[in-house]
């Protein structure tokens, strides 16, 4: 059995639920033709994802490789959020997207293989980070995903909500 540290997994779960809800709200309002929010919802969602990754890395992960990967992912998401506020130097957005994608996927897989997360929460987290990686890497490559991209964003938002709820429920049931 894996060593388990003092956990903040429930707080990370709440951050992921908030991020997922904001992403869903942004894209569903866009589908409805409402564009009054600009990119503020995405800025807040990216920031919440970064907070979730950092909380997960610092507070509830015992595996060093997973911790590093999650911190790299969190920093990547934070830089992507910062990109909504200020113009980032050339290449920083690309590096941030790669860090967010790679850190998330590697962190999720290492957490699963190290048995720090199991069952449904592990599957939801891995699938969600893979969908995020597809979205981010398609943006780097300049690939227009069209309707498929909108569907991926909605799946990503739902995945964040589901992952957050599962992290919160598992955490709450263990009373840690």
Protein backbone atom coordinates (compact mmCIF):
# COMPACT_ATOMS: atom_id res chain seq x y z
CA UNK A 1 0.00 0.00 0.00
CA UNK A 2 1.25 3.47 -0.84
CA UNK A 3 2.28 5.91 1.83
CA UNK A 4 -0.32 8.61 2.17
CA UNK A 5 0.51 12.08 3.37
CA UNK A 6 -1.71 14.57 5.15
CA UNK A 7 -4.16 15.31 2.44
CA UNK A 8 -5.71 18.34 0.83
CA UNK A 9 -7.33 16.22 -1.87
CA UNK A 10 -10.80 17.51 -0.97
CA UNK A 11 -9.68 21.12 -1.45
CA UNK A 12 -8.13 20.19 -4.81
CA UNK A 13 -11.41 18.52 -5.70
CA UNK A 14 -13.33 21.69 -4.94
CA UNK A 15 -10.91 23.70 -7.13
CA UNK A 16 -11.45 21.23 -10.00
CA UNK A 17 -15.24 21.43 -9.62
CA UNK A 18 -15.09 25.23 -9.76
CA UNK A 19 -12.80 25.13 -12.81
CA UNK A 20 -15.03 22.64 -14.61
CA UNK A 21 -18.15 24.67 -13.89
CA UNK A 22 -16.50 27.84 -15.18
CA UNK A 23 -15.33 26.12 -18.37
CA UNK A 24 -18.78 24.65 -18.96
CA UNK A 25 -20.41 28.03 -18.32
CA UNK A 26 -18.01 29.78 -20.72
CA UNK A 27 -18.59 27.34 -23.56
CA UNK A 28 -22.31 26.86 -23.04
CA UNK A 29 -22.81 30.64 -22.99
CA UNK A 30 -20.75 30.79 -26.18
CA UNK A 31 -23.02 28.22 -27.81
CA UNK A 32 -26.01 30.30 -26.74
CA UNK A 33 -24.47 33.36 -28.38
CA UNK A 34 -23.72 35.20 -25.14
CA UNK A 35 -20.25 36.73 -25.30
CA UNK A 36 -20.45 39.35 -22.56
CA UNK A 37 -18.05 37.45 -20.28
CA UNK A 38 -15.05 37.74 -22.56
CA UNK A 39 -12.29 35.44 -21.34
CA UNK A 40 -12.70 36.08 -17.62
CA UNK A 41 -14.36 32.74 -17.04
CA UNK A 42 -11.47 30.92 -18.71
CA UNK A 43 -8.95 33.00 -16.75
CA UNK A 44 -10.63 31.99 -13.48
CA UNK A 45 -10.96 28.37 -14.62
CA UNK A 46 -7.26 28.11 -15.52
CA UNK A 47 -6.37 29.69 -12.20
CA UNK A 48 -8.58 27.19 -10.35
CA UNK A 49 -6.95 24.30 -12.24
CA UNK A 50 -3.52 25.62 -11.24
CA UNK A 51 -4.63 25.87 -7.60
CA UNK A 52 -6.04 22.33 -7.74
CA UNK A 53 -2.81 20.90 -9.14
CA UNK A 54 -0.67 22.75 -6.59
CA UNK A 55 -2.92 21.72 -3.67
CA UNK A 56 -2.83 18.14 -4.86
CA UNK A 57 0.95 18.19 -5.23
CA UNK A 58 1.77 19.91 -1.96
CA UNK A 59 -0.93 18.54 0.29
CA UNK A 60 -1.83 15.01 -0.71
CA UNK A 61 0.85 13.33 -2.78
CA UNK A 62 3.68 11.27 -1.28
CA UNK A 63 5.31 10.28 -4.59
CA UNK A 64 8.09 12.72 -5.55
CA UNK A 65 7.73 12.20 -9.31
CA UNK A 66 3.99 12.83 -9.14
CA UNK A 67 4.56 15.87 -6.95
CA UNK A 68 7.03 17.38 -9.44
CA UNK A 69 4.77 16.60 -12.41
CA UNK A 70 1.74 18.16 -10.71
CA UNK A 71 3.71 21.28 -9.76
CA UNK A 72 4.93 21.60 -13.36
CA UNK A 73 1.33 21.21 -14.55
CA UNK A 74 0.11 23.77 -12.01
CA UNK A 75 2.75 26.30 -13.04
CA UNK A 76 1.81 25.71 -16.69
CA UNK A 77 -1.87 26.38 -16.00
CA UNK A 78 -0.97 29.46 -13.92
CA UNK A 79 1.10 30.86 -16.80
CA UNK A 80 -1.74 30.15 -19.23
CA UNK A 81 -4.06 32.07 -16.89
CA UNK A 82 -1.56 34.92 -16.69
CA UNK A 83 -1.61 35.04 -20.49
CA UNK A 84 -5.19 36.33 -20.31
CA UNK A 85 -4.05 39.35 -18.29
CA UNK A 86 -0.73 40.30 -19.90
CA UNK A 87 1.03 39.58 -23.15
CA UNK A 88 3.52 36.81 -22.48
CA UNK A 89 6.90 36.85 -24.23
CA UNK A 90 7.10 34.77 -27.40
CA UNK A 91 7.28 31.06 -26.67
CA UNK A 92 6.18 31.27 -23.03
CA UNK A 93 2.60 30.35 -23.89
CA UNK A 94 3.82 27.34 -25.84
CA UNK A 95 6.07 26.19 -23.00
CA UNK A 96 3.23 26.77 -20.51
CA UNK A 97 0.81 24.69 -22.57
CA UNK A 98 3.32 21.86 -22.90
CA UNK A 99 4.05 22.00 -19.16
CA UNK A 100 0.34 21.98 -18.30
CA UNK A 101 -0.36 19.08 -20.67
CA UNK A 102 2.66 16.94 -19.78
CA UNK A 103 2.54 17.68 -16.05
CA UNK A 104 -1.12 16.80 -15.83
CA UNK A 105 -0.94 13.54 -17.76
CA UNK A 106 2.30 12.34 -16.16
CA UNK A 107 1.09 13.33 -12.69
CA UNK A 108 -2.24 11.54 -13.11
CA UNK A 109 -0.63 8.36 -14.43
CA UNK A 110 2.04 8.29 -11.72
CA UNK A 111 -0.61 8.82 -9.03
CA UNK A 112 -2.56 5.87 -10.41
CA UNK A 113 0.42 3.54 -10.79
CA UNK A 114 1.60 4.47 -7.29
CA UNK A 115 -1.88 3.62 -5.95
CA UNK A 116 -2.33 7.09 -4.47
CA UNK A 117 -5.59 7.44 -6.38
CA UNK A 118 -7.62 4.44 -7.42
CA UNK A 119 -10.71 3.31 -9.26
CA UNK A 120 -13.12 5.90 -10.64
CA UNK A 121 -11.22 8.96 -9.45
CA UNK A 122 -8.06 7.70 -11.16
CA UNK A 123 -9.82 6.98 -14.45
CA UNK A 124 -11.62 10.33 -14.37
CA UNK A 125 -8.40 12.22 -13.61
CA UNK A 126 -6.38 10.45 -16.31
CA UNK A 127 -9.07 10.89 -18.99
CA UNK A 128 -9.56 14.55 -18.03
CA UNK A 129 -5.84 15.32 -18.23
CA UNK A 130 -5.59 13.54 -21.60
CA UNK A 131 -8.50 15.61 -22.97
CA UNK A 132 -6.80 18.76 -21.65
CA UNK A 133 -3.54 17.71 -23.33
CA UNK A 134 -5.33 17.23 -26.66
CA UNK A 135 -6.92 20.67 -26.38
CA UNK A 136 -3.68 22.39 -25.37
CA UNK A 137 -1.45 20.66 -27.90
CA UNK A 138 -3.94 21.26 -30.72
CA UNK A 139 -3.80 24.96 -29.81
CA UNK A 140 0.00 24.92 -30.00
CA UNK A 141 -0.08 23.21 -33.38
CA UNK A 142 -2.60 25.74 -34.65
CA UNK A 143 -5.12 23.03 -35.43
CA UNK A 144 -8.67 24.29 -35.65
CA UNK A 145 -10.78 21.59 -34.06
CA UNK A 146 -14.11 23.23 -34.89
CA UNK A 147 -17.15 21.47 -33.48
CA UNK A 148 -14.97 18.64 -32.19
CA UNK A 149 -13.00 21.21 -30.19
CA UNK A 150 -16.18 22.53 -28.59
CA UNK A 151 -17.15 18.98 -27.70
CA UNK A 152 -13.68 18.39 -26.21
CA UNK A 153 -14.00 21.55 -24.09
CA UNK A 154 -17.36 20.37 -22.77
CA UNK A 155 -15.96 16.90 -22.04
CA UNK A 156 -13.01 18.59 -20.28
CA UNK A 157 -15.35 20.68 -18.13
CA UNK A 158 -17.46 17.66 -17.22
CA UNK A 159 -14.30 15.66 -16.50
CA UNK A 160 -13.03 18.35 -14.12
CA UNK A 161 -16.34 18.42 -12.26
CA UNK A 162 -16.46 14.62 -12.06
CA UNK A 163 -12.83 14.36 -10.95
CA UNK A 164 -13.35 17.05 -8.33
CA UNK A 165 -16.47 15.39 -6.94
CA UNK A 166 -14.74 12.01 -6.79
CA UNK A 167 -11.66 13.49 -5.08
CA UNK A 168 -13.91 15.25 -2.58
CA UNK A 169 -16.09 12.18 -1.89
CA UNK A 170 -13.18 9.77 -1.45
CA UNK A 171 -11.41 12.28 0.75
CA UNK A 172 -14.49 12.93 2.84
CA UNK A 173 -15.20 9.23 3.33
CA UNK A 174 -11.65 8.63 4.64
CA UNK A 175 -11.94 11.54 7.10
CA UNK A 176 -8.45 12.82 6.23
